[in-house]
């Protein structure tokens, strides 16, 4: 979450007049994350999240995201569907951006997950994947394996401004990972593709919300688990790997989808791919975020350092895993 587009109190008040949600009491920009502009909105009736979708989220993809959230909510998953206005409309325009008013879910995201919390998150992901078996829509992964080489090329030698040698090292790792990448014998379904701890709300050891589905797409089930593993099992800097947390996440997931031998083999390839994907997207944001944006840039090297955990031989070949 972030704030790129500023919304005045007058504009927000007029926007809320279309809904049966009461009058505006307060609104506060949320600076975490890097994708969309988000505000915590309190009214005389309740609390909501206002999301304005920025350039990375295409307006044409919003019906897919809204349908997926409705599908999951109907099956008892703790997800926040959009609030319809009085005419039943979910997707609006505000300050020149597509916008939705989202139900607020209670709970907090954990910054230092414990094994029991990771187990609960893995269980929630397994329930989510089971729930989408009959989800009829399809959306290609806008940040899938086929996009990494073009994004690497767009970042180019500017990667060395982050740390010297990063361009050559990512190029080498990317070639090795794509050579090992396969989808043969692996299940595909609708996935979250970004289930970091800050996208899971918890009360104690109980999951109360799965949020921010704006990278959701159709891709490998095991890749979704690998993305979560790379996010949950490390400290924020990517230097310390907590195997007990990672194992607990997989164990929670395996309650619904036990991993086959082939999936376990490809899991490490998917995990390295996840590390490359988030290194590149963070690097692009690091190099291109507007100076006046109310947004916290995230360190690209934090995910780059994790590569060696999943492929020690590859890690030994790289110079920049500091």
C-alpha atoms as a PDB file:
ATOM      1  CA  UNK A   1       0.000   0.000   0.000  1.00  0.00           C
ATOM      2  CA  UNK A   2       1.120   3.573  -0.601  1.00  0.00           C
ATOM      3  CA  UNK A   3      -0.029   7.063  -1.531  1.00  0.00           C
ATOM      4  CA  UNK A   4       0.804   8.372  -4.990  1.00  0.00           C
ATOM      5  CA  UNK A   5      -2.466  10.215  -5.689  1.00  0.00           C
ATOM      6  CA  UNK A   6      -3.652  12.810  -3.192  1.00  0.00           C
ATOM      7  CA  UNK A   7      -7.386  12.952  -2.437  1.00  0.00           C
ATOM      8  CA  UNK A   8      -8.884  16.049  -0.854  1.00  0.00           C
ATOM      9  CA  UNK A   9     -11.458  15.821   1.920  1.00  0.00           C
ATOM     10  CA  UNK A  10     -13.992  17.487  -0.379  1.00  0.00           C
ATOM     11  CA  UNK A  11     -13.436  14.966  -3.181  1.00  0.00           C
ATOM     12  CA  UNK A  12     -13.570  12.044  -0.771  1.00  0.00           C
ATOM     13  CA  UNK A  13     -16.741  13.316   0.847  1.00  0.00           C
ATOM     14  CA  UNK A  14     -18.432  13.619  -2.546  1.00  0.00           C
ATOM     15  CA  UNK A  15     -17.237  10.123  -3.444  1.00  0.00           C
ATOM     16  CA  UNK A  16     -18.685   8.635  -0.256  1.00  0.00           C
ATOM     17  CA  UNK A  17     -22.047  10.309  -0.926  1.00  0.00           C
ATOM     18  CA  UNK A  18     -22.657   7.604  -3.554  1.00  0.00           C
ATOM     19  CA  UNK A  19     -22.529   4.905  -0.876  1.00  0.00           C
ATOM     20  CA  UNK A  20     -24.680   4.052   2.100  1.00  0.00           C
ATOM     21  CA  UNK A  21     -21.713   4.217   4.459  1.00  0.00           C
ATOM     22  CA  UNK A  22     -22.356   7.358   6.466  1.00  0.00           C
ATOM     23  CA  UNK A  23     -20.471  10.634   6.438  1.00  0.00           C
ATOM     24  CA  UNK A  24     -16.716  11.099   6.318  1.00  0.00           C
ATOM     25  CA  UNK A  25     -15.073  11.412   9.723  1.00  0.00           C
ATOM     26  CA  UNK A  26     -11.393  11.048   8.849  1.00  0.00           C
ATOM     27  CA  UNK A  27      -9.029   9.716   6.216  1.00  0.00           C
ATOM     28  CA  UNK A  28      -5.353   8.884   6.499  1.00  0.00           C
ATOM     29  CA  UNK A  29      -2.919   7.866   3.786  1.00  0.00           C
ATOM     30  CA  UNK A  30      -1.218   4.488   4.225  1.00  0.00           C
ATOM     31  CA  UNK A  31       2.445   4.609   3.260  1.00  0.00           C
ATOM     32  CA  UNK A  32       3.362   0.897   3.378  1.00  0.00           C
ATOM     33  CA  UNK A  33       3.845  -0.904   0.061  1.00  0.00           C
ATOM     34  CA  UNK A  34       4.496   0.332  -3.443  1.00  0.00           C
ATOM     35  CA  UNK A  35       1.564  -0.522  -5.714  1.00  0.00           C
ATOM     36  CA  UNK A  36      -1.541   1.636  -5.234  1.00  0.00           C
ATOM     37  CA  UNK A  37      -2.722   4.690  -3.314  1.00  0.00           C
ATOM     38  CA  UNK A  38      -4.528   3.656  -0.134  1.00  0.00           C
ATOM     39  CA  UNK A  39      -6.385   5.523   2.567  1.00  0.00           C
ATOM     40  CA  UNK A  40      -7.826   4.373   5.867  1.00  0.00           C
ATOM     41  CA  UNK A  41     -11.290   5.931   5.889  1.00  0.00           C
ATOM     42  CA  UNK A  42     -13.533   6.293   8.932  1.00  0.00           C
ATOM     43  CA  UNK A  43     -17.182   7.257   8.538  1.00  0.00           C
ATOM     44  CA  UNK A  44     -20.041   7.681  10.951  1.00  0.00           C
ATOM     45  CA  UNK A  45     -21.006   4.047  10.252  1.00  0.00           C
ATOM     46  CA  UNK A  46     -17.805   2.048   9.873  1.00  0.00           C
ATOM     47  CA  UNK A  47     -14.188   1.872   8.672  1.00  0.00           C
ATOM     48  CA  UNK A  48     -13.040   1.183   5.111  1.00  0.00           C
ATOM     49  CA  UNK A  49      -9.985   1.107   2.859  1.00  0.00           C
ATOM     50  CA  UNK A  50     -10.105   3.390  -0.169  1.00  0.00           C
ATOM     51  CA  UNK A  51      -7.846   2.149  -2.962  1.00  0.00           C
ATOM     52  CA  UNK A  52      -6.910   4.157  -6.040  1.00  0.00           C
ATOM     53  CA  UNK A  53      -5.283   1.939  -8.640  1.00  0.00           C
ATOM     54  CA  UNK A  54      -2.070   3.290 -10.070  1.00  0.00           C
ATOM     55  CA  UNK A  55      -0.322   2.510 -13.350  1.00  0.00           C
ATOM     56  CA  UNK A  56       0.818  -1.032 -12.498  1.00  0.00           C
ATOM     57  CA  UNK A  57      -2.792  -2.177 -11.972  1.00  0.00           C
ATOM     58  CA  UNK A  58      -4.707  -2.092 -15.256  1.00  0.00           C
ATOM     59  CA  UNK A  59      -8.329  -0.970 -14.986  1.00  0.00           C
ATOM     60  CA  UNK A  60      -9.310  -3.874 -17.220  1.00  0.00           C
ATOM     61  CA  UNK A  61      -8.023  -6.351 -14.612  1.00  0.00           C
ATOM     62  CA  UNK A  62     -10.194  -5.010 -11.802  1.00  0.00           C
ATOM     63  CA  UNK A  63     -13.285  -7.094 -12.675  1.00  0.00           C
ATOM     64  CA  UNK A  64     -11.114 -10.225 -12.346  1.00  0.00           C
ATOM     65  CA  UNK A  65      -9.856  -9.171  -8.908  1.00  0.00           C
ATOM     66  CA  UNK A  66     -13.363  -8.257  -7.715  1.00  0.00           C
ATOM     67  CA  UNK A  67     -14.790 -11.561  -8.983  1.00  0.00           C
ATOM     68  CA  UNK A  68     -12.039 -13.542  -7.269  1.00  0.00           C
ATOM     69  CA  UNK A  69     -12.618 -11.774  -3.947  1.00  0.00           C
ATOM     70  CA  UNK A  70     -16.357 -12.387  -4.186  1.00  0.00           C
ATOM     71  CA  UNK A  71     -15.751 -16.046  -5.043  1.00  0.00           C
ATOM     72  CA  UNK A  72     -13.462 -16.519  -2.036  1.00  0.00           C
ATOM     73  CA  UNK A  73     -15.731 -14.605   0.334  1.00  0.00           C
ATOM     74  CA  UNK A  74     -18.692 -16.759  -0.728  1.00  0.00           C
ATOM     75  CA  UNK A  75     -16.660 -19.817   0.282  1.00  0.00           C
ATOM     76  CA  UNK A  76     -15.824 -18.490   3.716  1.00  0.00           C
ATOM     77  CA  UNK A  77     -12.318 -17.164   3.119  1.00  0.00           C
ATOM     78  CA  UNK A  78     -11.432 -14.048   5.144  1.00  0.00           C
ATOM     79  CA  UNK A  79     -11.011 -11.643   2.225  1.00  0.00           C
ATOM     80  CA  UNK A  80     -12.203  -8.019   1.816  1.00  0.00           C
ATOM     81  CA  UNK A  81     -14.620  -7.620  -1.093  1.00  0.00           C
ATOM     82  CA  UNK A  82     -15.363  -4.205  -2.551  1.00  0.00           C
ATOM     83  CA  UNK A  83     -18.359  -2.262  -1.233  1.00  0.00           C
ATOM     84  CA  UNK A  84     -21.032  -1.532  -3.855  1.00  0.00           C
ATOM     85  CA  UNK A  85     -22.518   1.938  -4.082  1.00  0.00           C
ATOM     86  CA  UNK A  86     -26.276   2.469  -4.046  1.00  0.00           C
ATOM     87  CA  UNK A  87     -26.504   1.445  -7.712  1.00  0.00           C
ATOM     88  CA  UNK A  88     -24.472  -1.740  -7.162  1.00  0.00           C
ATOM     89  CA  UNK A  89     -21.321  -0.417  -8.828  1.00  0.00           C
ATOM     90  CA  UNK A  90     -18.004  -1.665  -7.419  1.00  0.00           C
ATOM     91  CA  UNK A  91     -15.408   0.103  -9.574  1.00  0.00           C
ATOM     92  CA  UNK A  92     -15.400   3.909  -9.715  1.00  0.00           C
ATOM     93  CA  UNK A  93     -13.156   6.791 -10.686  1.00  0.00           C
ATOM     94  CA  UNK A  94     -11.635   9.265  -8.233  1.00  0.00           C
ATOM     95  CA  UNK A  95      -8.979  11.891  -8.958  1.00  0.00           C
ATOM     96  CA  UNK A  96      -8.555  10.402 -12.434  1.00  0.00           C
ATOM     97  CA  UNK A  97      -7.843   6.896 -11.120  1.00  0.00           C
ATOM     98  CA  UNK A  98      -9.959   3.739 -10.932  1.00  0.00           C
ATOM     99  CA  UNK A  99     -11.036   3.415  -7.305  1.00  0.00           C
ATOM    100  CA  UNK A 100     -12.809   0.989  -4.983  1.00  0.00           C
ATOM    101  CA  UNK A 101     -14.080   1.235  -1.442  1.00  0.00           C
ATOM    102  CA  UNK A 102     -12.978  -1.944   0.333  1.00  0.00           C
ATOM    103  CA  UNK A 103     -14.338  -3.558   3.468  1.00  0.00           C
ATOM    104  CA  UNK A 104     -12.018  -3.155   6.447  1.00  0.00           C
ATOM    105  CA  UNK A 105     -10.858  -6.337   8.173  1.00  0.00           C
ATOM    106  CA  UNK A 106      -9.630  -6.424  11.754  1.00  0.00           C
ATOM    107  CA  UNK A 107      -6.237  -7.815  12.626  1.00  0.00           C
ATOM    108  CA  UNK A 108      -2.590  -6.847  12.239  1.00  0.00           C
ATOM    109  CA  UNK A 109       0.183  -8.032   9.973  1.00  0.00           C
ATOM    110  CA  UNK A 110       3.123  -9.551  11.816  1.00  0.00           C
ATOM    111  CA  UNK A 111       6.646  -8.332  11.179  1.00  0.00           C
ATOM    112  CA  UNK A 112       8.384 -11.259  12.915  1.00  0.00           C
ATOM    113  CA  UNK A 113       6.229 -14.347  12.283  1.00  0.00           C
ATOM    114  CA  UNK A 114       6.301 -17.237  14.716  1.00  0.00           C
ATOM    115  CA  UNK A 115       6.003 -20.827  13.454  1.00  0.00           C
ATOM    116  CA  UNK A 116       2.374 -21.125  14.584  1.00  0.00           C
ATOM    117  CA  UNK A 117       1.477 -17.976  12.652  1.00  0.00           C
ATOM    118  CA  UNK A 118       3.276 -19.228   9.540  1.00  0.00           C
ATOM    119  CA  UNK A 119       1.430 -22.549   9.875  1.00  0.00           C
ATOM    120  CA  UNK A 120      -1.884 -20.663   9.978  1.00  0.00           C
ATOM    121  CA  UNK A 121      -0.899 -18.648   6.900  1.00  0.00           C
ATOM    122  CA  UNK A 122       0.034 -21.816   5.005  1.00  0.00           C
ATOM    123  CA  UNK A 123      -3.266 -23.382   5.998  1.00  0.00           C
ATOM    124  CA  UNK A 124      -5.111 -20.277   4.743  1.00  0.00           C
ATOM    125  CA  UNK A 125      -3.289 -20.458   1.407  1.00  0.00           C
ATOM    126  CA  UNK A 126      -4.208 -24.130   1.096  1.00  0.00           C
ATOM    127  CA  UNK A 127      -7.856 -23.332   1.790  1.00  0.00           C
ATOM    128  CA  UNK A 128      -7.694 -20.544  -0.787  1.00  0.00           C
ATOM    129  CA  UNK A 129      -6.282 -22.853  -3.470  1.00  0.00           C
ATOM    130  CA  UNK A 130      -8.934 -25.457  -2.688  1.00  0.00           C
ATOM    131  CA  UNK A 131     -11.651 -22.805  -2.940  1.00  0.00           C
ATOM    132  CA  UNK A 132     -10.637 -21.706  -6.452  1.00  0.00           C
ATOM    133  CA  UNK A 133     -10.892 -25.138  -8.047  1.00  0.00           C
ATOM    134  CA  UNK A 134     -14.150 -24.005  -9.640  1.00  0.00           C
ATOM    135  CA  UNK A 135     -13.197 -20.360 -10.215  1.00  0.00           C
ATOM    136  CA  UNK A 136     -13.909 -19.893 -13.942  1.00  0.00           C
ATOM    137  CA  UNK A 137     -11.836 -16.820 -14.825  1.00  0.00           C
ATOM    138  CA  UNK A 138      -8.258 -16.705 -16.028  1.00  0.00           C
ATOM    139  CA  UNK A 139      -5.656 -13.948 -15.862  1.00  0.00           C
ATOM    140  CA  UNK A 140      -2.037 -14.300 -17.040  1.00  0.00           C
ATOM    141  CA  UNK A 141       0.597 -13.513 -14.424  1.00  0.00           C
ATOM    142  CA  UNK A 142       1.670  -9.932 -15.145  1.00  0.00           C
ATOM    143  CA  UNK A 143       4.878 -10.611 -13.175  1.00  0.00           C
ATOM    144  CA  UNK A 144       5.346 -14.242 -14.178  1.00  0.00           C
ATOM    145  CA  UNK A 145       8.505 -15.986 -15.324  1.00  0.00           C
ATOM    146  CA  UNK A 146       8.068 -14.732 -18.878  1.00  0.00           C
ATOM    147  CA  UNK A 147       8.283 -11.108 -17.717  1.00  0.00           C
ATOM    148  CA  UNK A 148      11.521 -11.301 -15.739  1.00  0.00           C
ATOM    149  CA  UNK A 149      13.969 -11.070 -18.644  1.00  0.00           C
ATOM    150  CA  UNK A 150      12.209  -8.023 -20.163  1.00  0.00           C
ATOM    151  CA  UNK A 151      12.120  -6.318 -16.749  1.00  0.00           C
ATOM    152  CA  UNK A 152      15.802  -7.122 -16.254  1.00  0.00           C
ATOM    153  CA  UNK A 153      16.536  -5.521 -19.636  1.00  0.00           C
ATOM    154  CA  UNK A 154      14.544  -2.390 -18.710  1.00  0.00           C
ATOM    155  CA  UNK A 155      16.471  -2.019 -15.455  1.00  0.00           C
ATOM    156  CA  UNK A 156      19.700  -2.547 -17.386  1.00  0.00           C
ATOM    157  CA  UNK A 157      23.060  -1.388 -16.105  1.00  0.00           C
ATOM    158  CA  UNK A 158      21.297   0.934 -13.661  1.00  0.00           C
ATOM    159  CA  UNK A 159      21.153  -2.136 -11.402  1.00  0.00           C
ATOM    160  CA  UNK A 160      24.817  -1.483 -10.646  1.00  0.00           C
ATOM    161  CA  UNK A 161      23.772   1.801  -9.028  1.00  0.00           C
ATOM    162  CA  UNK A 162      22.149  -0.330  -6.313  1.00  0.00           C
ATOM    163  CA  UNK A 163      25.326  -2.350  -5.800  1.00  0.00           C
ATOM    164  CA  UNK A 164      28.261  -2.883  -8.195  1.00  0.00           C
ATOM    165  CA  UNK A 165      28.061  -6.143 -10.116  1.00  0.00           C
ATOM    166  CA  UNK A 166      24.335  -6.659  -9.597  1.00  0.00           C
ATOM    167  CA  UNK A 167      23.536  -6.502 -13.316  1.00  0.00           C
ATOM    168  CA  UNK A 168      25.881  -9.356 -14.240  1.00  0.00           C
ATOM    169  CA  UNK A 169      24.887 -11.470 -11.245  1.00  0.00           C
ATOM    170  CA  UNK A 170      21.139 -11.192 -11.839  1.00  0.00           C
ATOM    171  CA  UNK A 171      21.670 -11.958 -15.515  1.00  0.00           C
ATOM    172  CA  UNK A 172      23.540 -15.140 -14.652  1.00  0.00           C
ATOM    173  CA  UNK A 173      20.965 -16.250 -12.053  1.00  0.00           C
ATOM    174  CA  UNK A 174      18.080 -15.437 -14.362  1.00  0.00           C
ATOM    175  CA  UNK A 175      19.504 -17.585 -17.176  1.00  0.00           C
ATOM    176  CA  UNK A 176      20.064 -20.507 -14.809  1.00  0.00           C
ATOM    177  CA  UNK A 177      16.593 -20.274 -13.292  1.00  0.00           C
ATOM    178  CA  UNK A 178      14.703 -19.986 -16.560  1.00  0.00           C
ATOM    179  CA  UNK A 179      16.639 -22.957 -17.919  1.00  0.00           C
ATOM    180  CA  UNK A 180      15.436 -25.057 -14.967  1.00  0.00           C
ATOM    181  CA  UNK A 181      11.867 -23.703 -15.003  1.00  0.00           C
ATOM    182  CA  UNK A 182       9.108 -26.125 -15.985  1.00  0.00           C
ATOM    183  CA  UNK A 183       5.353 -26.346 -15.659  1.00  0.00           C
ATOM    184  CA  UNK A 184       5.146 -30.020 -16.630  1.00  0.00           C
ATOM    185  CA  UNK A 185       3.242 -32.067 -14.055  1.00  0.00           C
ATOM    186  CA  UNK A 186       2.467 -29.045 -11.859  1.00  0.00           C
ATOM    187  CA  UNK A 187      -1.011 -27.774 -10.988  1.00  0.00           C
ATOM    188  CA  UNK A 188      -2.196 -24.332 -12.065  1.00  0.00           C
ATOM    189  CA  UNK A 189      -4.964 -22.322 -10.448  1.00  0.00           C
ATOM    190  CA  UNK A 190      -5.822 -18.802  -9.336  1.00  0.00           C
ATOM    191  CA  UNK A 191      -3.028 -17.713  -6.972  1.00  0.00           C
ATOM    192  CA  UNK A 192      -2.405 -14.682  -4.776  1.00  0.00           C
ATOM    193  CA  UNK A 193       1.217 -14.275  -5.997  1.00  0.00           C
ATOM    194  CA  UNK A 194       2.092 -11.787  -3.226  1.00  0.00           C
ATOM    195  CA  UNK A 195       1.128 -13.394   0.103  1.00  0.00           C
ATOM    196  CA  UNK A 196       3.728 -11.629   2.227  1.00  0.00           C
ATOM    197  CA  UNK A 197       3.192 -11.273   6.000  1.00  0.00           C
ATOM    198  CA  UNK A 198       1.925  -7.718   5.430  1.00  0.00           C
ATOM    199  CA  UNK A 199      -0.847  -9.143   3.236  1.00  0.00           C
ATOM    200  CA  UNK A 200      -2.071 -11.468   5.984  1.00  0.00           C
ATOM    201  CA  UNK A 201      -3.978 -10.045   8.936  1.00  0.00           C
ATOM    202  CA  UNK A 202      -3.848 -11.974  12.189  1.00  0.00           C
ATOM    203  CA  UNK A 203      -5.178 -11.912  15.715  1.00  0.00           C
ATOM    204  CA  UNK A 204      -2.739 -13.977  17.737  1.00  0.00           C
ATOM    205  CA  UNK A 205      -2.256 -17.197  15.779  1.00  0.00           C
ATOM    206  CA  UNK A 206      -5.497 -16.873  13.810  1.00  0.00           C
ATOM    207  CA  UNK A 207      -5.719 -15.513  10.257  1.00  0.00           C
ATOM    208  CA  UNK A 208      -8.414 -12.828  10.045  1.00  0.00           C
ATOM    209  CA  UNK A 209      -7.699 -11.464   6.595  1.00  0.00           C
ATOM    210  CA  UNK A 210      -6.009 -12.172   3.271  1.00  0.00           C
ATOM    211  CA  UNK A 211      -5.640  -8.852   1.476  1.00  0.00           C
ATOM    212  CA  UNK A 212      -4.113  -7.098  -1.557  1.00  0.00           C
ATOM    213  CA  UNK A 213      -5.009  -9.493  -4.373  1.00  0.00           C
ATOM    214  CA  UNK A 214      -3.798  -7.112  -7.096  1.00  0.00           C
ATOM    215  CA  UNK A 215      -1.179  -9.532  -8.422  1.00  0.00           C
ATOM    216  CA  UNK A 216      -3.650 -12.438  -8.387  1.00  0.00           C
ATOM    217  CA  UNK A 217      -3.501 -14.499 -11.552  1.00  0.00           C
ATOM    218  CA  UNK A 218      -3.479 -18.004 -12.963  1.00  0.00           C
ATOM    219  CA  UNK A 219      -0.141 -19.681 -12.369  1.00  0.00           C
ATOM    220  CA  UNK A 220       1.552 -22.601 -10.609  1.00  0.00           C
ATOM    221  CA  UNK A 221       0.201 -23.510  -7.177  1.00  0.00           C
ATOM    222  CA  UNK A 222       3.698 -24.362  -5.996  1.00  0.00           C
ATOM    223  CA  UNK A 223       4.974 -20.972  -7.130  1.00  0.00           C
ATOM    224  CA  UNK A 224       2.434 -19.259  -4.864  1.00  0.00           C
ATOM    225  CA  UNK A 225       3.733 -21.287  -1.919  1.00  0.00           C
ATOM    226  CA  UNK A 226       7.336 -20.507  -2.884  1.00  0.00           C
ATOM    227  CA  UNK A 227       6.601 -16.766  -2.996  1.00  0.00           C
ATOM    228  CA  UNK A 228       5.131 -16.953   0.491  1.00  0.00           C
ATOM    229  CA  UNK A 229       8.079 -19.008   1.756  1.00  0.00           C
ATOM    230  CA  UNK A 230      10.626 -16.470   0.509  1.00  0.00           C
ATOM    231  CA  UNK A 231       8.667 -13.743   2.304  1.00  0.00           C
ATOM    232  CA  UNK A 232       7.823 -15.440   5.618  1.00  0.00           C
ATOM    233  CA  UNK A 233      10.982 -17.395   6.414  1.00  0.00           C
ATOM    234  CA  UNK A 234      13.501 -14.514   6.449  1.00  0.00           C
ATOM    235  CA  UNK A 235      14.133 -11.359   8.386  1.00  0.00           C
ATOM    236  CA  UNK A 236      13.372  -8.087   6.613  1.00  0.00           C
ATOM    237  CA  UNK A 237      16.952  -7.698   5.365  1.00  0.00           C
ATOM    238  CA  UNK A 238      17.011 -11.215   3.918  1.00  0.00           C
ATOM    239  CA  UNK A 239      20.086 -12.151   5.941  1.00  0.00           C
ATOM    240  CA  UNK A 240      18.583 -14.573   8.475  1.00  0.00           C
ATOM    241  CA  UNK A 241      16.673 -17.678   7.390  1.00  0.00           C
ATOM    242  CA  UNK A 242      14.318 -19.228   9.962  1.00  0.00           C
ATOM    243  CA  UNK A 243      13.818 -22.828   8.861  1.00  0.00           C
ATOM    244  CA  UNK A 244      11.210 -23.508  11.553  1.00  0.00           C
ATOM    245  CA  UNK A 245       8.991 -20.734  10.170  1.00  0.00           C
ATOM    246  CA  UNK A 246       9.440 -21.920   6.591  1.00  0.00           C
ATOM    247  CA  UNK A 247       8.738 -25.535   7.521  1.00  0.00           C
ATOM    248  CA  UNK A 248       5.623 -24.499   9.455  1.00  0.00           C
ATOM    249  CA  UNK A 249       4.290 -22.584   6.447  1.00  0.00           C
ATOM    250  CA  UNK A 250       4.720 -25.646   4.217  1.00  0.00           C
ATOM    251  CA  UNK A 251       3.195 -27.938   6.845  1.00  0.00           C
ATOM    252  CA  UNK A 252       0.089 -25.754   7.088  1.00  0.00           C
ATOM    253  CA  UNK A 253      -0.251 -25.766   3.316  1.00  0.00           C
ATOM    254  CA  UNK A 254       0.327 -29.532   3.098  1.00  0.00           C
ATOM    255  CA  UNK A 255      -2.819 -30.140   5.153  1.00  0.00           C
ATOM    256  CA  UNK A 256      -4.666 -29.383   1.910  1.00  0.00           C
ATOM    257  CA  UNK A 257      -2.061 -30.123  -0.776  1.00  0.00           C
ATOM    258  CA  UNK A 258       0.755 -32.501   0.280  1.00  0.00           C
ATOM    259  CA  UNK A 259       3.825 -31.813  -1.846  1.00  0.00           C
ATOM    260  CA  UNK A 260       4.824 -34.486  -4.339  1.00  0.00           C
ATOM    261  CA  UNK A 261       8.475 -35.305  -4.997  1.00  0.00           C
ATOM    262  CA  UNK A 262       8.342 -33.362  -8.263  1.00  0.00           C
ATOM    263  CA  UNK A 263       6.823 -30.357  -6.495  1.00  0.00           C
ATOM    264  CA  UNK A 264       9.545 -30.427  -3.849  1.00  0.00           C
ATOM    265  CA  UNK A 265      12.201 -30.438  -6.573  1.00  0.00           C
ATOM    266  CA  UNK A 266      10.617 -27.531  -8.418  1.00  0.00           C
ATOM    267  CA  UNK A 267       9.870 -25.654  -5.208  1.00  0.00           C
ATOM    268  CA  UNK A 268      13.479 -24.458  -4.939  1.00  0.00           C
ATOM    269  CA  UNK A 269      13.480 -23.343  -8.589  1.00  0.00           C
ATOM    270  CA  UNK A 270      10.243 -21.422  -7.979  1.00  0.00           C
ATOM    271  CA  UNK A 271      11.713 -19.905  -4.818  1.00  0.00           C
ATOM    272  CA  UNK A 272      14.812 -18.647  -6.641  1.00  0.00           C
ATOM    273  CA  UNK A 273      12.490 -17.291  -9.317  1.00  0.00           C
ATOM    274  CA  UNK A 274      10.500 -15.489  -6.621  1.00  0.00           C
ATOM    275  CA  UNK A 275      13.688 -13.942  -5.253  1.00  0.00           C
ATOM    276  CA  UNK A 276      14.641 -12.724  -8.734  1.00  0.00           C
ATOM    277  CA  UNK A 277      11.131 -11.436  -9.439  1.00  0.00           C
ATOM    278  CA  UNK A 278      10.971  -9.331  -6.272  1.00  0.00           C
ATOM    279  CA  UNK A 279      14.554  -8.160  -6.616  1.00  0.00           C
ATOM    280  CA  UNK A 280      13.773  -6.861 -10.094  1.00  0.00           C
ATOM    281  CA  UNK A 281      10.429  -5.239  -9.269  1.00  0.00           C
ATOM    282  CA  UNK A 282      11.895  -3.600  -6.180  1.00  0.00           C
ATOM    283  CA  UNK A 283      14.927  -2.479  -8.185  1.00  0.00           C
ATOM    284  CA  UNK A 284      12.654  -0.901 -10.792  1.00  0.00           C
ATOM    285  CA  UNK A 285      10.707   0.923  -8.081  1.00  0.00           C
ATOM    286  CA  UNK A 286      13.937   1.926  -6.324  1.00  0.00           C
ATOM    287  CA  UNK A 287      15.254   3.468  -9.519  1.00  0.00           C
ATOM    288  CA  UNK A 288      11.984   5.056 -10.694  1.00  0.00           C
ATOM    289  CA  UNK A 289       9.822   6.035  -7.680  1.00  0.00           C
ATOM    290  CA  UNK A 290       8.925   9.765  -7.820  1.00  0.00           C
ATOM    291  CA  UNK A 291      10.750  11.776  -5.205  1.00  0.00           C
ATOM    292  CA  UNK A 292       7.525  13.351  -3.886  1.00  0.00           C
ATOM    293  CA  UNK A 293       5.558  10.091  -3.524  1.00  0.00           C
ATOM    294  CA  UNK A 294       4.431   9.191  -0.014  1.00  0.00           C
ATOM    295  CA  UNK A 295       5.817   5.682  -0.276  1.00  0.00           C
ATOM    296  CA  UNK A 296       8.452   3.592   1.439  1.00  0.00           C
ATOM    297  CA  UNK A 297      10.852   2.153  -1.118  1.00  0.00           C
ATOM    298  CA  UNK A 298      11.884  -1.420  -0.368  1.00  0.00           C
ATOM    299  CA  UNK A 299      15.470  -2.624  -0.540  1.00  0.00           C
ATOM    300  CA  UNK A 300      15.958  -4.817  -3.645  1.00  0.00           C
ATOM    301  CA  UNK A 301      18.938  -6.575  -2.055  1.00  0.00           C
ATOM    302  CA  UNK A 302      16.754  -7.946   0.741  1.00  0.00           C
ATOM    303  CA  UNK A 303      15.309 -10.494  -1.681  1.00  0.00           C
ATOM    304  CA  UNK A 304      18.491 -10.962  -3.651  1.00  0.00           C
ATOM    305  CA  UNK A 305      20.306 -12.220  -0.530  1.00  0.00           C
ATOM    306  CA  UNK A 306      17.789 -15.078  -0.196  1.00  0.00           C
ATOM    307  CA  UNK A 307      18.815 -16.779  -3.443  1.00  0.00           C
ATOM    308  CA  UNK A 308      21.639 -18.729  -1.792  1.00  0.00           C
ATOM    309  CA  UNK A 309      19.236 -20.386   0.676  1.00  0.00           C
ATOM    310  CA  UNK A 310      17.459 -22.161  -2.172  1.00  0.00           C
ATOM    311  CA  UNK A 311      20.446 -22.803  -4.452  1.00  0.00           C
ATOM    312  CA  UNK A 312      23.755 -22.875  -2.612  1.00  0.00           C
ATOM    313  CA  UNK A 313      25.711 -23.722  -5.760  1.00  0.00           C
ATOM    314  CA  UNK A 314      24.266 -20.716  -7.559  1.00  0.00           C
ATOM    315  CA  UNK A 315      24.927 -18.545  -4.520  1.00  0.00           C
ATOM    316  CA  UNK A 316      28.610 -19.453  -4.589  1.00  0.00           C
ATOM    317  CA  UNK A 317      28.855 -18.120  -8.160  1.00  0.00           C
ATOM    318  CA  UNK A 318      27.421 -14.701  -7.333  1.00  0.00           C
ATOM    319  CA  UNK A 319      29.391 -11.760  -5.991  1.00  0.00           C
ATOM    320  CA  UNK A 320      26.619  -9.533  -4.653  1.00  0.00           C
ATOM    321  CA  UNK A 321      24.787 -11.698  -2.064  1.00  0.00           C
ATOM    322  CA  UNK A 322      25.983  -9.450   0.767  1.00  0.00           C
END
